[in-house]
N, C-alpha and C. Protein backbone atom coordinates (compact mmCIF):
# COMPACT_ATOMS: atom_id res chain seq x y z
N MET A 1 123.45 138.19 102.60
CA MET A 1 124.30 137.05 102.95
C MET A 1 125.56 137.49 103.69
N LYS A 2 125.96 138.77 103.50
CA LYS A 2 127.20 139.22 104.11
C LYS A 2 127.03 139.43 105.61
N LYS A 3 125.82 139.84 106.03
CA LYS A 3 125.56 140.06 107.44
C LYS A 3 125.33 138.72 108.13
N ILE A 4 126.01 138.53 109.26
CA ILE A 4 125.86 137.28 110.01
C ILE A 4 124.60 137.39 110.87
N SER A 5 123.61 136.57 110.58
CA SER A 5 122.33 136.64 111.28
C SER A 5 122.38 135.84 112.58
N LYS A 6 121.37 136.07 113.41
CA LYS A 6 121.26 135.30 114.66
C LYS A 6 121.06 133.82 114.36
N GLY A 7 120.34 133.53 113.27
CA GLY A 7 120.14 132.13 112.89
C GLY A 7 121.45 131.46 112.55
N GLN A 8 122.32 132.18 111.85
CA GLN A 8 123.62 131.60 111.50
C GLN A 8 124.46 131.34 112.75
N VAL A 9 124.40 132.25 113.70
CA VAL A 9 125.13 132.07 114.97
C VAL A 9 124.59 130.84 115.70
N ALA A 10 123.27 130.67 115.69
CA ALA A 10 122.66 129.50 116.33
C ALA A 10 123.15 128.21 115.68
N VAL A 11 123.28 128.21 114.36
CA VAL A 11 123.80 127.04 113.65
C VAL A 11 125.22 126.74 114.10
N TRP A 12 126.04 127.77 114.24
CA TRP A 12 127.43 127.56 114.67
C TRP A 12 127.50 127.03 116.10
N ILE A 13 126.59 127.50 116.96
CA ILE A 13 126.56 126.99 118.33
C ILE A 13 126.21 125.51 118.33
N LEU A 14 125.20 125.14 117.53
CA LEU A 14 124.83 123.73 117.42
C LEU A 14 126.01 122.89 116.91
N ALA A 15 126.80 123.49 116.02
CA ALA A 15 127.91 122.76 115.40
C ALA A 15 129.00 122.40 116.40
N VAL A 16 129.21 123.25 117.42
CA VAL A 16 130.31 122.99 118.35
C VAL A 16 129.87 122.17 119.57
N ILE A 17 128.56 121.99 119.76
CA ILE A 17 128.10 121.21 120.92
C ILE A 17 128.65 119.78 120.91
N PRO A 18 128.68 119.06 119.75
CA PRO A 18 129.27 117.72 119.77
C PRO A 18 130.73 117.71 120.21
N VAL A 19 131.48 118.74 119.84
CA VAL A 19 132.88 118.83 120.27
C VAL A 19 132.96 119.01 121.78
N ILE A 20 132.10 119.87 122.32
CA ILE A 20 132.08 120.10 123.77
C ILE A 20 131.68 118.82 124.49
N LEU A 21 130.67 118.12 123.96
CA LEU A 21 130.23 116.86 124.56
C LEU A 21 131.34 115.82 124.56
N ALA A 22 132.01 115.68 123.43
CA ALA A 22 133.11 114.71 123.34
C ALA A 22 134.21 115.04 124.34
N ALA A 23 134.56 116.30 124.47
CA ALA A 23 135.61 116.71 125.40
C ALA A 23 135.20 116.45 126.85
N ALA A 24 133.90 116.64 127.16
CA ALA A 24 133.42 116.49 128.53
C ALA A 24 133.44 115.04 129.01
N VAL A 25 133.21 114.09 128.10
CA VAL A 25 133.08 112.69 128.53
C VAL A 25 134.25 111.83 128.08
N TYR A 26 135.17 112.38 127.32
CA TYR A 26 136.21 111.56 126.69
C TYR A 26 136.99 110.73 127.71
N ALA A 27 137.37 111.32 128.82
CA ALA A 27 138.18 110.61 129.82
C ALA A 27 137.42 109.46 130.46
N ARG A 28 136.11 109.52 130.47
CA ARG A 28 135.28 108.48 131.10
C ARG A 28 134.97 107.34 130.15
N LEU A 29 135.20 107.51 128.87
CA LEU A 29 134.88 106.48 127.90
C LEU A 29 135.90 105.35 127.93
N PRO A 30 135.46 104.12 127.65
CA PRO A 30 136.41 103.00 127.55
C PRO A 30 137.31 103.19 126.33
N ALA A 31 138.34 102.36 126.24
CA ALA A 31 139.29 102.48 125.13
C ALA A 31 138.63 102.30 123.78
N GLU A 32 137.61 101.44 123.72
CA GLU A 32 136.85 101.25 122.49
C GLU A 32 135.37 101.48 122.77
N ILE A 33 134.71 102.13 121.82
CA ILE A 33 133.29 102.43 121.98
C ILE A 33 132.51 101.94 120.76
N PRO A 34 131.22 101.63 120.92
CA PRO A 34 130.41 101.19 119.77
C PRO A 34 130.17 102.33 118.80
N MET A 35 130.44 102.08 117.51
CA MET A 35 130.24 103.11 116.50
C MET A 35 129.63 102.56 115.22
N GLN A 36 129.38 101.24 115.19
CA GLN A 36 128.77 100.63 114.01
C GLN A 36 127.70 99.65 114.46
N TRP A 37 126.56 99.68 113.77
CA TRP A 37 125.46 98.77 114.07
C TRP A 37 124.91 98.23 112.76
N ASP A 38 124.82 96.91 112.61
CA ASP A 38 124.27 96.36 111.38
C ASP A 38 122.80 95.99 111.59
N LEU A 39 122.16 95.53 110.51
CA LEU A 39 120.73 95.23 110.57
C LEU A 39 120.41 94.07 111.51
N GLY A 40 121.40 93.23 111.75
CA GLY A 40 121.19 92.11 112.65
C GLY A 40 121.40 92.45 114.11
N GLY A 41 121.75 93.69 114.38
CA GLY A 41 121.95 94.11 115.76
C GLY A 41 123.38 93.96 116.25
N GLU A 42 124.28 93.48 115.37
CA GLU A 42 125.67 93.34 115.76
C GLU A 42 126.33 94.71 115.89
N VAL A 43 127.15 94.85 116.92
CA VAL A 43 127.78 96.13 117.21
C VAL A 43 129.27 96.06 116.90
N GLY A 44 129.76 97.10 116.19
CA GLY A 44 131.18 97.19 115.89
C GLY A 44 131.83 98.25 116.76
N TYR A 45 132.96 97.90 117.38
CA TYR A 45 133.66 98.82 118.27
C TYR A 45 134.88 99.41 117.57
N GLU A 46 135.17 100.67 117.89
CA GLU A 46 136.33 101.36 117.34
C GLU A 46 137.03 102.12 118.46
N PRO A 47 138.31 102.48 118.26
CA PRO A 47 139.02 103.28 119.27
C PRO A 47 138.25 104.56 119.58
N LYS A 48 138.25 104.95 120.84
CA LYS A 48 137.39 106.07 121.22
C LYS A 48 137.79 107.39 120.57
N TRP A 49 139.02 107.49 120.11
CA TRP A 49 139.41 108.76 119.47
C TRP A 49 138.64 109.00 118.17
N HIS A 50 138.05 107.92 117.62
CA HIS A 50 137.23 108.09 116.41
C HIS A 50 136.01 108.96 116.68
N LEU A 51 135.65 109.11 117.97
CA LEU A 51 134.54 109.98 118.33
C LEU A 51 134.80 111.41 117.87
N TRP A 52 136.07 111.81 117.86
CA TRP A 52 136.41 113.17 117.44
C TRP A 52 136.10 113.39 115.96
N ILE A 53 136.14 112.31 115.18
CA ILE A 53 135.83 112.46 113.75
C ILE A 53 134.38 112.89 113.58
N ILE A 54 133.49 112.24 114.33
CA ILE A 54 132.07 112.60 114.26
C ILE A 54 131.85 113.98 114.86
N ALA A 55 132.47 114.24 116.01
CA ALA A 55 132.28 115.51 116.70
C ALA A 55 132.71 116.69 115.83
N CYS A 56 133.83 116.53 115.13
CA CYS A 56 134.36 117.63 114.32
C CYS A 56 133.64 117.76 112.98
N LEU A 57 132.77 116.80 112.68
CA LEU A 57 132.00 116.90 111.45
C LEU A 57 131.06 118.11 111.48
N GLY A 58 130.54 118.42 112.67
CA GLY A 58 129.65 119.56 112.82
C GLY A 58 130.32 120.87 112.42
N PRO A 59 131.44 121.24 113.05
CA PRO A 59 132.13 122.48 112.64
C PRO A 59 132.55 122.47 111.17
N PHE A 60 132.98 121.31 110.68
CA PHE A 60 133.38 121.23 109.27
C PHE A 60 132.21 121.57 108.35
N LEU A 61 131.05 120.96 108.62
CA LEU A 61 129.87 121.21 107.78
C LEU A 61 129.40 122.66 107.93
N ALA A 62 129.49 123.19 109.15
CA ALA A 62 129.06 124.56 109.37
C ALA A 62 129.87 125.54 108.52
N VAL A 63 131.17 125.33 108.48
CA VAL A 63 132.04 126.19 107.67
C VAL A 63 131.72 125.99 106.19
N LEU A 64 131.54 124.73 105.79
CA LEU A 64 131.25 124.41 104.40
C LEU A 64 129.95 125.07 103.95
N PHE A 65 128.89 124.93 104.75
CA PHE A 65 127.60 125.50 104.39
C PHE A 65 127.67 127.03 104.33
N TYR A 66 128.49 127.62 105.18
CA TYR A 66 128.57 129.08 105.19
C TYR A 66 129.22 129.62 103.92
N PHE A 67 130.24 128.91 103.43
CA PHE A 67 130.98 129.42 102.29
C PHE A 67 130.47 128.92 100.94
N MET A 68 129.71 127.82 100.93
CA MET A 68 129.24 127.28 99.66
C MET A 68 128.52 128.29 98.78
N PRO A 69 127.60 129.09 99.32
CA PRO A 69 126.90 130.04 98.44
C PRO A 69 127.83 131.00 97.72
N ARG A 70 128.98 131.30 98.29
CA ARG A 70 129.92 132.22 97.66
C ARG A 70 130.54 131.64 96.40
N PHE A 71 130.53 130.32 96.28
CA PHE A 71 131.10 129.66 95.11
C PHE A 71 130.03 129.19 94.13
N ASP A 72 128.78 129.51 94.44
CA ASP A 72 127.66 129.10 93.60
C ASP A 72 127.41 130.15 92.52
N PRO A 73 127.35 129.76 91.25
CA PRO A 73 127.01 130.74 90.20
C PRO A 73 125.66 131.42 90.43
N LYS A 74 124.79 130.76 91.21
CA LYS A 74 123.47 131.31 91.50
C LYS A 74 123.44 131.94 92.89
N THR A 75 124.55 132.49 93.33
CA THR A 75 124.67 132.96 94.71
C THR A 75 123.59 133.94 95.13
N ARG A 76 123.11 134.79 94.21
CA ARG A 76 122.09 135.78 94.56
C ARG A 76 120.76 135.13 94.93
N ASN A 77 120.53 133.93 94.46
CA ASN A 77 119.26 133.26 94.76
C ASN A 77 119.14 132.86 96.22
N TYR A 78 120.27 132.74 96.93
CA TYR A 78 120.22 132.29 98.32
C TYR A 78 119.46 133.27 99.21
N THR A 79 119.47 134.55 98.85
CA THR A 79 118.73 135.52 99.65
C THR A 79 117.23 135.26 99.58
N LYS A 80 116.77 134.55 98.55
CA LYS A 80 115.34 134.27 98.37
C LYS A 80 114.87 133.10 99.22
N PHE A 81 115.81 132.25 99.67
CA PHE A 81 115.40 131.12 100.52
C PHE A 81 116.38 130.94 101.68
N PHE A 82 116.93 132.07 102.14
CA PHE A 82 117.98 131.99 103.15
C PHE A 82 117.48 131.38 104.46
N GLY A 83 116.22 131.68 104.84
CA GLY A 83 115.67 131.08 106.05
C GLY A 83 115.60 129.57 105.96
N SER A 84 115.19 129.06 104.80
CA SER A 84 115.13 127.61 104.60
C SER A 84 116.53 127.01 104.58
N TYR A 85 117.47 127.75 104.01
CA TYR A 85 118.86 127.27 103.97
C TYR A 85 119.43 127.18 105.38
N LEU A 86 119.13 128.16 106.22
CA LEU A 86 119.57 128.10 107.62
C LEU A 86 118.92 126.93 108.34
N GLY A 87 117.63 126.71 108.07
CA GLY A 87 116.94 125.58 108.70
C GLY A 87 117.57 124.27 108.30
N PHE A 88 117.93 124.14 107.02
CA PHE A 88 118.60 122.94 106.54
C PHE A 88 119.92 122.73 107.28
N GLN A 89 120.68 123.80 107.46
CA GLN A 89 121.95 123.70 108.20
C GLN A 89 121.71 123.25 109.63
N ALA A 90 120.70 123.84 110.29
CA ALA A 90 120.42 123.49 111.68
C ALA A 90 120.04 122.02 111.82
N VAL A 91 119.24 121.52 110.87
CA VAL A 91 118.84 120.12 110.90
C VAL A 91 120.06 119.20 110.77
N MET A 92 120.99 119.57 109.89
CA MET A 92 122.20 118.77 109.73
C MET A 92 123.05 118.78 110.99
N MET A 93 123.14 119.94 111.66
CA MET A 93 123.90 120.03 112.90
C MET A 93 123.26 119.17 114.00
N LEU A 94 121.93 119.18 114.05
CA LEU A 94 121.24 118.34 115.03
C LEU A 94 121.47 116.86 114.75
N PHE A 95 121.51 116.50 113.49
CA PHE A 95 121.77 115.10 113.13
C PHE A 95 123.14 114.67 113.62
N VAL A 96 124.16 115.50 113.38
CA VAL A 96 125.51 115.18 113.85
C VAL A 96 125.52 115.08 115.37
N LEU A 97 124.83 115.99 116.04
CA LEU A 97 124.77 115.96 117.51
C LEU A 97 124.14 114.66 118.01
N ILE A 98 123.06 114.23 117.36
CA ILE A 98 122.39 112.99 117.78
C ILE A 98 123.28 111.79 117.56
N ILE A 99 123.96 111.71 116.42
CA ILE A 99 124.88 110.60 116.16
C ILE A 99 125.99 110.58 117.21
N ASN A 100 126.53 111.75 117.49
CA ASN A 100 127.58 111.86 118.50
C ASN A 100 127.05 111.41 119.87
N GLY A 101 125.83 111.85 120.18
CA GLY A 101 125.23 111.48 121.46
C GLY A 101 125.00 109.99 121.59
N ILE A 102 124.57 109.35 120.50
CA ILE A 102 124.36 107.90 120.53
C ILE A 102 125.66 107.18 120.87
N CYS A 103 126.74 107.58 120.21
CA CYS A 103 128.04 106.94 120.45
C CYS A 103 128.49 107.14 121.90
N VAL A 104 128.25 108.33 122.44
CA VAL A 104 128.65 108.62 123.82
C VAL A 104 127.83 107.78 124.80
N VAL A 105 126.51 107.79 124.63
CA VAL A 105 125.64 107.05 125.55
C VAL A 105 125.92 105.56 125.48
N GLU A 106 126.07 105.03 124.27
CA GLU A 106 126.34 103.61 124.13
C GLU A 106 127.74 103.25 124.63
N GLY A 107 128.68 104.20 124.57
CA GLY A 107 130.00 103.95 125.11
C GLY A 107 129.99 103.88 126.61
N LEU A 108 129.17 104.72 127.24
CA LEU A 108 129.09 104.75 128.70
C LEU A 108 128.15 103.69 129.25
N ARG A 109 127.02 103.49 128.57
CA ARG A 109 126.02 102.51 129.02
C ARG A 109 125.52 101.71 127.82
N PRO A 110 126.26 100.68 127.41
CA PRO A 110 125.88 99.89 126.23
C PRO A 110 124.47 99.32 126.36
N GLY A 111 123.73 99.37 125.25
CA GLY A 111 122.39 98.80 125.22
C GLY A 111 121.30 99.76 125.65
N THR A 112 121.66 101.00 125.96
CA THR A 112 120.67 101.98 126.41
C THR A 112 119.77 102.44 125.26
N VAL A 113 120.36 102.62 124.08
CA VAL A 113 119.64 103.22 122.95
C VAL A 113 119.26 102.15 121.93
N ASP A 114 118.01 102.22 121.45
CA ASP A 114 117.61 101.42 120.30
C ASP A 114 118.08 102.19 119.07
N VAL A 115 119.30 101.90 118.64
CA VAL A 115 119.97 102.72 117.64
C VAL A 115 119.20 102.74 116.32
N ALA A 116 118.77 101.58 115.85
CA ALA A 116 118.06 101.51 114.57
C ALA A 116 116.80 102.36 114.59
N MET A 117 116.05 102.28 115.69
CA MET A 117 114.82 103.06 115.79
C MET A 117 115.12 104.55 115.77
N VAL A 118 116.12 104.97 116.55
CA VAL A 118 116.44 106.39 116.64
C VAL A 118 116.92 106.93 115.30
N ILE A 119 117.80 106.18 114.61
CA ILE A 119 118.32 106.63 113.33
C ILE A 119 117.20 106.77 112.30
N CYS A 120 116.34 105.76 112.22
CA CYS A 120 115.22 105.82 111.26
C CYS A 120 114.27 106.96 111.60
N LEU A 121 114.02 107.15 112.87
CA LEU A 121 113.12 108.22 113.30
C LEU A 121 113.70 109.59 112.95
N VAL A 122 114.98 109.77 113.25
CA VAL A 122 115.62 111.07 113.00
C VAL A 122 115.69 111.37 111.50
N ILE A 123 116.10 110.39 110.71
CA ILE A 123 116.19 110.62 109.26
C ILE A 123 114.80 110.86 108.68
N GLY A 124 113.80 110.12 109.17
CA GLY A 124 112.44 110.33 108.71
C GLY A 124 111.96 111.74 109.00
N LEU A 125 112.24 112.24 110.19
CA LEU A 125 111.86 113.60 110.55
C LEU A 125 112.61 114.62 109.71
N MET A 126 113.88 114.33 109.41
CA MET A 126 114.65 115.22 108.54
C MET A 126 114.01 115.32 107.16
N MET A 127 113.54 114.18 106.64
CA MET A 127 112.91 114.18 105.33
C MET A 127 111.56 114.91 105.36
N VAL A 128 110.83 114.79 106.47
CA VAL A 128 109.58 115.54 106.61
C VAL A 128 109.88 117.04 106.55
N TYR A 129 110.91 117.46 107.26
CA TYR A 129 111.28 118.88 107.23
C TYR A 129 111.72 119.30 105.84
N LEU A 130 112.58 118.48 105.23
CA LEU A 130 113.07 118.79 103.89
C LEU A 130 111.92 118.90 102.90
N GLY A 131 110.94 118.01 103.01
CA GLY A 131 109.79 118.06 102.13
C GLY A 131 109.01 119.35 102.28
N ASN A 132 108.96 119.87 103.51
CA ASN A 132 108.25 121.12 103.75
C ASN A 132 108.97 122.33 103.15
N VAL A 133 110.30 122.34 103.21
CA VAL A 133 111.04 123.53 102.77
C VAL A 133 111.50 123.45 101.32
N MET A 134 111.52 122.25 100.75
CA MET A 134 112.05 122.09 99.40
C MET A 134 111.36 122.98 98.36
N PRO A 135 110.03 123.16 98.41
CA PRO A 135 109.41 124.04 97.42
C PRO A 135 109.89 125.49 97.50
N LYS A 136 110.50 125.87 98.63
CA LYS A 136 111.00 127.24 98.79
C LYS A 136 112.39 127.43 98.20
N PHE A 137 113.09 126.33 97.92
CA PHE A 137 114.43 126.44 97.36
C PHE A 137 114.37 127.11 95.99
N ARG A 138 115.30 128.01 95.75
CA ARG A 138 115.44 128.61 94.43
C ARG A 138 116.65 127.99 93.74
N MET A 139 116.72 128.17 92.44
CA MET A 139 117.76 127.50 91.67
C MET A 139 119.16 127.77 92.24
N ASN A 140 119.88 126.69 92.53
CA ASN A 140 121.24 126.78 93.03
C ASN A 140 121.94 125.47 92.74
N TRP A 141 123.23 125.42 93.01
CA TRP A 141 124.03 124.24 92.65
C TRP A 141 124.27 123.29 93.81
N PHE A 142 123.76 123.61 95.00
CA PHE A 142 124.11 122.80 96.16
C PHE A 142 122.93 122.22 96.92
N CYS A 143 121.75 122.82 96.83
CA CYS A 143 120.60 122.33 97.60
C CYS A 143 119.45 121.97 96.67
N GLY A 144 118.84 120.81 96.92
CA GLY A 144 117.66 120.43 96.15
C GLY A 144 117.94 119.36 95.11
N ILE A 145 117.02 119.23 94.16
CA ILE A 145 117.12 118.25 93.08
C ILE A 145 117.94 118.89 91.96
N LYS A 146 119.21 118.57 91.93
CA LYS A 146 120.12 119.22 90.97
C LYS A 146 120.39 118.27 89.80
N THR A 147 119.60 118.43 88.76
CA THR A 147 119.79 117.67 87.53
C THR A 147 120.11 118.67 86.41
N PRO A 148 120.64 118.20 85.30
CA PRO A 148 120.89 119.12 84.19
C PRO A 148 119.63 119.86 83.75
N TRP A 149 118.46 119.25 84.00
CA TRP A 149 117.21 119.83 83.52
C TRP A 149 116.66 120.87 84.49
N THR A 150 116.77 120.62 85.80
CA THR A 150 116.33 121.65 86.75
C THR A 150 117.27 122.86 86.73
N LEU A 151 118.55 122.62 86.46
CA LEU A 151 119.51 123.72 86.44
C LEU A 151 119.49 124.49 85.12
N SER A 152 118.69 124.03 84.19
CA SER A 152 118.60 124.70 82.88
C SER A 152 117.31 125.49 82.72
N SER A 153 116.37 125.33 83.65
CA SER A 153 115.08 125.99 83.51
C SER A 153 114.49 126.31 84.87
N GLU A 154 114.17 127.60 85.08
CA GLU A 154 113.53 128.01 86.33
C GLU A 154 112.18 127.32 86.50
N THR A 155 111.44 127.19 85.40
CA THR A 155 110.12 126.56 85.46
C THR A 155 110.23 125.10 85.88
N VAL A 156 111.16 124.39 85.26
CA VAL A 156 111.36 122.98 85.61
C VAL A 156 111.83 122.85 87.05
N TRP A 157 112.70 123.76 87.49
CA TRP A 157 113.16 123.74 88.88
C TRP A 157 111.99 123.87 89.84
N ARG A 158 111.12 124.85 89.60
CA ARG A 158 110.00 125.08 90.51
C ARG A 158 109.03 123.90 90.51
N ARG A 159 108.69 123.40 89.34
CA ARG A 159 107.74 122.28 89.26
C ARG A 159 108.31 121.04 89.94
N THR A 160 109.58 120.77 89.69
CA THR A 160 110.22 119.59 90.28
C THR A 160 110.24 119.67 91.79
N HIS A 161 110.56 120.84 92.34
CA HIS A 161 110.68 120.95 93.79
C HIS A 161 109.33 121.00 94.50
N ARG A 162 108.32 121.45 93.80
CA ARG A 162 106.98 121.36 94.40
C ARG A 162 106.57 119.90 94.56
N VAL A 163 106.77 119.11 93.52
CA VAL A 163 106.42 117.69 93.58
C VAL A 163 107.37 116.94 94.52
N ALA A 164 108.66 117.23 94.42
CA ALA A 164 109.65 116.55 95.26
C ALA A 164 109.37 116.81 96.74
N GLY A 165 108.93 118.03 97.06
CA GLY A 165 108.61 118.33 98.45
C GLY A 165 107.53 117.41 98.99
N ARG A 166 106.49 117.18 98.19
CA ARG A 166 105.41 116.28 98.63
C ARG A 166 105.91 114.84 98.75
N LEU A 167 106.73 114.43 97.79
CA LEU A 167 107.23 113.05 97.81
C LEU A 167 108.16 112.81 98.99
N TYR A 168 109.05 113.75 99.26
CA TYR A 168 109.96 113.59 100.39
C TYR A 168 109.22 113.66 101.72
N PHE A 169 108.21 114.50 101.78
CA PHE A 169 107.40 114.56 103.00
C PHE A 169 106.73 113.21 103.26
N ALA A 170 106.13 112.64 102.22
CA ALA A 170 105.46 111.34 102.36
C ALA A 170 106.47 110.25 102.72
N ALA A 171 107.65 110.29 102.09
CA ALA A 171 108.68 109.30 102.39
C ALA A 171 109.13 109.43 103.84
N GLY A 172 109.26 110.68 104.31
CA GLY A 172 109.65 110.89 105.70
C GLY A 172 108.63 110.36 106.68
N VAL A 173 107.35 110.57 106.37
CA VAL A 173 106.29 110.06 107.25
C VAL A 173 106.36 108.54 107.34
N LEU A 174 106.55 107.88 106.19
CA LEU A 174 106.68 106.41 106.20
C LEU A 174 107.89 105.98 107.02
N GLY A 175 108.99 106.73 106.89
CA GLY A 175 110.18 106.41 107.67
C GLY A 175 109.96 106.56 109.16
N VAL A 176 109.23 107.60 109.55
CA VAL A 176 108.92 107.82 110.97
C VAL A 176 108.04 106.69 111.51
N LEU A 177 107.00 106.34 110.76
CA LEU A 177 106.12 105.27 111.20
C LEU A 177 106.86 103.93 111.26
N GLY A 178 107.72 103.69 110.26
CA GLY A 178 108.47 102.44 110.22
C GLY A 178 109.47 102.31 111.35
N ALA A 179 109.92 103.43 111.90
CA ALA A 179 110.90 103.39 112.99
C ALA A 179 110.37 102.64 114.20
N PHE A 180 109.06 102.61 114.37
CA PHE A 180 108.47 101.97 115.55
C PHE A 180 108.15 100.49 115.33
N ILE A 181 108.46 99.98 114.15
CA ILE A 181 108.27 98.55 113.88
C ILE A 181 109.51 97.80 114.39
N PRO A 182 109.34 96.80 115.24
CA PRO A 182 110.48 96.11 115.86
C PRO A 182 111.19 95.11 114.94
N ASN A 183 111.55 95.56 113.76
CA ASN A 183 112.28 94.73 112.81
C ASN A 183 113.17 95.66 111.98
N ASN A 184 114.47 95.50 112.11
CA ASN A 184 115.39 96.45 111.49
C ASN A 184 115.31 96.46 109.97
N ILE A 185 115.10 95.29 109.37
CA ILE A 185 115.01 95.24 107.91
C ILE A 185 113.79 96.01 107.43
N VAL A 186 112.66 95.81 108.11
CA VAL A 186 111.44 96.54 107.75
C VAL A 186 111.62 98.03 108.00
N ARG A 187 112.24 98.36 109.12
CA ARG A 187 112.48 99.77 109.45
C ARG A 187 113.23 100.49 108.33
N PHE A 188 114.38 99.93 107.96
CA PHE A 188 115.20 100.59 106.95
C PHE A 188 114.59 100.47 105.55
N GLY A 189 113.80 99.42 105.34
CA GLY A 189 113.11 99.30 104.06
C GLY A 189 112.08 100.42 103.89
N LEU A 190 111.31 100.69 104.95
CA LEU A 190 110.31 101.74 104.89
C LEU A 190 110.93 103.13 104.87
N LEU A 191 112.19 103.21 105.24
CA LEU A 191 112.90 104.49 105.18
C LEU A 191 113.55 104.70 103.82
N LEU A 192 114.33 103.72 103.38
CA LEU A 192 115.17 103.90 102.20
C LEU A 192 114.43 103.74 100.88
N VAL A 193 113.52 102.77 100.80
CA VAL A 193 112.80 102.54 99.53
C VAL A 193 111.97 103.76 99.13
N PRO A 194 111.16 104.34 100.03
CA PRO A 194 110.42 105.55 99.63
C PRO A 194 111.34 106.72 99.29
N LEU A 195 112.46 106.86 100.00
CA LEU A 195 113.39 107.96 99.70
C LEU A 195 114.00 107.79 98.32
N LEU A 196 114.37 106.55 98.00
CA LEU A 196 114.91 106.27 96.67
C LEU A 196 113.86 106.54 95.60
N ALA A 197 112.64 106.10 95.86
CA ALA A 197 111.55 106.31 94.90
C ALA A 197 111.29 107.80 94.69
N ALA A 198 111.30 108.57 95.78
CA ALA A 198 111.07 110.02 95.68
C ALA A 198 112.14 110.68 94.83
N SER A 199 113.38 110.25 95.00
CA SER A 199 114.49 110.83 94.23
C SER A 199 114.38 110.47 92.76
N LEU A 200 114.09 109.20 92.48
CA LEU A 200 114.00 108.75 91.09
C LEU A 200 112.83 109.39 90.36
N VAL A 201 111.68 109.47 91.03
CA VAL A 201 110.50 110.07 90.40
C VAL A 201 110.75 111.55 90.13
N SER A 202 111.35 112.24 91.09
CA SER A 202 111.64 113.67 90.91
C SER A 202 112.60 113.89 89.75
N THR A 203 113.62 113.06 89.66
CA THR A 203 114.59 113.18 88.57
C THR A 203 113.94 112.92 87.23
N ALA A 204 113.13 111.86 87.16
CA ALA A 204 112.46 111.52 85.90
C ALA A 204 111.51 112.62 85.46
N LEU A 205 110.77 113.18 86.41
CA LEU A 205 109.83 114.25 86.07
C LEU A 205 110.56 115.50 85.58
N SER A 206 111.70 115.79 86.18
CA SER A 206 112.45 116.97 85.72
C SER A 206 112.87 116.81 84.27
N TYR A 207 113.24 115.59 83.89
CA TYR A 207 113.63 115.32 82.50
C TYR A 207 112.42 115.47 81.57
N LEU A 208 111.31 114.87 81.96
CA LEU A 208 110.11 114.92 81.10
C LEU A 208 109.60 116.34 80.94
N TRP A 209 109.60 117.12 82.03
CA TRP A 209 109.13 118.50 81.94
C TRP A 209 110.07 119.35 81.10
N TYR A 210 111.36 119.08 81.21
CA TYR A 210 112.32 119.84 80.40
C TYR A 210 112.14 119.53 78.92
N ARG A 211 111.97 118.25 78.60
CA ARG A 211 111.75 117.87 77.21
C ARG A 211 110.48 118.51 76.65
N ALA A 212 109.44 118.52 77.46
CA ALA A 212 108.17 119.13 77.02
C ALA A 212 108.35 120.63 76.81
N GLU A 213 109.10 121.28 77.67
CA GLU A 213 109.36 122.71 77.53
C GLU A 213 110.14 123.02 76.26
N GLN A 214 111.12 122.15 75.95
CA GLN A 214 111.92 122.38 74.75
C GLN A 214 111.11 122.17 73.48
N ARG A 215 110.16 121.24 73.50
CA ARG A 215 109.33 121.02 72.33
C ARG A 215 108.44 122.22 72.06
N VAL A 216 107.95 122.85 73.13
CA VAL A 216 107.10 124.04 72.99
C VAL A 216 107.91 125.20 72.41
N CYS A 217 109.16 125.32 72.92
CA CYS A 217 110.02 126.41 72.44
C CYS A 217 110.43 126.18 70.98
């Protein structure tokens, strides 16, 4: 973890791209730009300087993700899934970049982006990726299904994340498919309901498996 890998450098580069993009187009943006979209398609405008809040989120998260393992009691475990942890960071940086890009494009050319579709599609793809890498996560305090029961048992942690990976993958697929349905309520329903269900089922299973383990002991 002490050596800075090429993957970590790539994450940092991704993190600063939104800042560079904001700086490049800021003078061309109108005084107010669209930054909020509701399910009915209504657009909320905010002062363009708010774009810097989103743009700077990337560097903030990059620094946070880099230092978090150092404060984790399970810090040694990060070496066991460091590639997946870097991938998770990269996905988050791409998400910030896409959000920043949407605000820029809609500020310059309103109505260009189907925002609801893009957001649902991107989050769905993120969940598909997360579902793939989640079984590789090792016990830690910052990534994965962190319940008192998964953090108390390596066995419960592994079982929970194997199942959670499948559930999040399936939820992500539904979210991706739902993104192409031309109804915002249906889109977000197919995204959020399966994600909520995946989280609740994973949490409940971690409790049941922990209780079963304690009875055996």
